[in-house]
Amino acid sequence: MKNAFEDIYEVVRLIPYGKVSTYGEIAAYLGNKRAARMVGWAMCASHGDSSIPAHRVVNRNGLLSGKAFFGGNLMQELLEQEGIVVENNKIQNFKAHLWIPSKELL
C-alpha cells in the first residue's frame, strides 16, 4: 500500500495552473472527507519539493491558511503569478478558481 501522503501529492500535482483546491475536497476525493487535516500535514511536509504545488491548496473559504509555512508572502505571490487575485489572505472570486477533483477526475 502506498503512503497516504504520496496519494495526496498525486492529486495535488493534478491541480491545473490558475486553479486551487481545498484540503477537504482532496480528502473527499481520496475517500475520507474528514481527513482534511492530513492533507494539510502533507502540504506542510512537502515544502522543498517543487513538483508539489502546495500553494494551490487552500481552506474551504479560499483563505491562504497554509501561508505561514511558505514564509513571507510566497504563497500569495505564487498564486498571483498564476492570475489569481488575493486580498487579505483570501482568494477573490474563489469559486471561479476552485478545482474539485471528484468532479474533474471522473
Protein backbone atom coordinates (compact mmCIF):
# COMPACT_ATOMS: atom_id res chain seq x y z
CA MET A 1 0.00 0.00 0.00
CA LYS A 2 1.25 3.46 -0.89
CA ASN A 3 1.95 6.13 1.65
CA ALA A 4 -1.12 8.37 2.26
CA PHE A 5 0.96 11.50 1.68
CA GLU A 6 2.01 10.18 -1.74
CA ASP A 7 -1.67 9.71 -2.65
CA ILE A 8 -2.31 13.32 -1.64
CA TYR A 9 0.68 14.55 -3.62
CA GLU A 10 -0.56 12.73 -6.74
CA VAL A 11 -3.84 14.65 -6.56
CA VAL A 12 -2.19 17.99 -5.78
CA ARG A 13 0.10 17.61 -8.80
CA LEU A 14 -3.03 17.44 -10.96
CA ILE A 15 -4.38 20.84 -9.87
CA PRO A 16 -4.19 22.94 -13.04
CA TYR A 17 -2.25 26.19 -13.31
CA GLY A 18 -4.51 29.06 -12.25
CA LYS A 19 -6.75 26.82 -10.14
CA VAL A 20 -6.86 25.90 -6.46
CA SER A 21 -8.37 23.09 -4.45
CA THR A 22 -9.16 22.68 -0.78
CA TYR A 23 -7.88 20.34 1.88
CA GLY A 24 -11.38 18.93 2.25
CA GLU A 25 -12.00 18.39 -1.48
CA ILE A 26 -8.74 16.48 -1.80
CA ALA A 27 -9.54 14.38 1.28
CA ALA A 28 -13.03 13.62 -0.01
CA TYR A 29 -11.66 12.57 -3.39
CA LEU A 30 -9.29 10.17 -1.64
CA GLY A 31 -12.20 8.61 0.24
CA ASN A 32 -12.15 10.28 3.65
CA LYS A 33 -13.74 13.73 3.72
CA ARG A 34 -12.77 14.02 7.41
CA ALA A 35 -9.06 13.79 6.60
CA ALA A 36 -8.61 17.44 5.61
CA ARG A 37 -6.02 17.90 8.36
CA MET A 38 -3.97 15.05 6.96
CA VAL A 39 -3.93 16.88 3.62
CA GLY A 40 -2.68 19.94 5.49
CA TRP A 41 0.07 17.92 7.17
CA ALA A 42 1.07 16.53 3.79
CA MET A 43 1.28 20.04 2.34
CA CYS A 44 3.45 21.12 5.25
CA ALA A 45 5.73 18.11 4.76
CA SER A 46 6.02 18.79 1.02
CA HIS A 47 8.00 22.00 1.27
CA GLY A 48 11.20 21.76 -0.67
CA ASP A 49 9.67 19.51 -3.34
CA SER A 50 8.99 21.80 -6.28
CA SER A 51 6.96 19.09 -8.05
CA ILE A 52 4.16 19.56 -5.50
CA PRO A 53 2.26 22.85 -6.00
CA ALA A 54 1.24 23.15 -2.34
CA HIS A 55 0.44 26.85 -2.86
CA ARG A 56 -2.67 25.72 -4.78
CA VAL A 57 -4.25 24.13 -1.70
CA VAL A 58 -6.32 26.45 0.50
CA ASN A 59 -9.07 26.16 3.07
CA ARG A 60 -12.76 25.74 2.20
CA ASN A 61 -13.33 29.50 2.21
CA GLY A 62 -10.41 30.34 -0.06
CA LEU A 63 -8.18 31.52 2.76
CA LEU A 64 -4.44 31.01 2.47
CA SER A 65 -4.37 29.07 5.72
CA GLY A 66 -1.03 27.44 4.89
CA LYS A 67 0.65 30.75 4.16
CA ALA A 68 2.85 30.68 7.27
CA PHE A 69 4.62 27.55 6.05
CA PHE A 70 5.78 29.34 2.89
CA GLY A 71 7.43 32.23 4.69
CA GLY A 72 6.50 35.81 3.96
CA ASN A 73 4.06 36.26 1.10
CA LEU A 74 5.39 33.47 -1.13
CA MET A 75 2.11 31.55 -1.28
CA GLN A 76 0.23 34.67 -2.34
CA GLU A 77 2.93 35.63 -4.83
CA LEU A 78 2.84 32.19 -6.46
CA LEU A 79 -0.94 32.32 -6.80
CA GLU A 80 -0.82 35.85 -8.20
CA GLN A 81 1.74 34.73 -10.79
CA GLU A 82 -0.96 32.30 -11.95
CA GLY A 83 -3.51 35.11 -12.30
CA ILE A 84 -5.33 34.55 -9.02
CA VAL A 85 -6.20 37.72 -7.10
CA VAL A 86 -5.63 37.54 -3.36
CA GLU A 87 -6.77 40.21 -0.92
CA ASN A 88 -6.41 39.98 2.86
CA ASN A 89 -5.15 36.39 2.53
CA LYS A 90 -8.31 35.33 0.67
CA ILE A 91 -8.74 34.32 -2.96
CA GLN A 92 -11.11 36.67 -4.75
CA ASN A 93 -13.74 35.06 -6.97
CA PHE A 94 -12.86 31.80 -5.24
CA LYS A 95 -15.50 29.62 -6.93
CA ALA A 96 -14.17 30.53 -10.38
CA HIS A 97 -10.74 29.19 -9.41
CA LEU A 98 -11.90 26.14 -7.46
CA TRP A 99 -10.87 22.76 -8.86
CA ILE A 100 -12.83 19.86 -7.38
CA PRO A 101 -11.07 16.55 -8.02
CA SER A 102 -14.20 14.42 -7.57
CA LYS A 103 -15.77 16.32 -10.49
CA GLU A 104 -12.69 16.78 -12.64
CA LEU A 105 -11.14 13.33 -12.28
CA LEU A 106 -14.08 11.10 -13.17
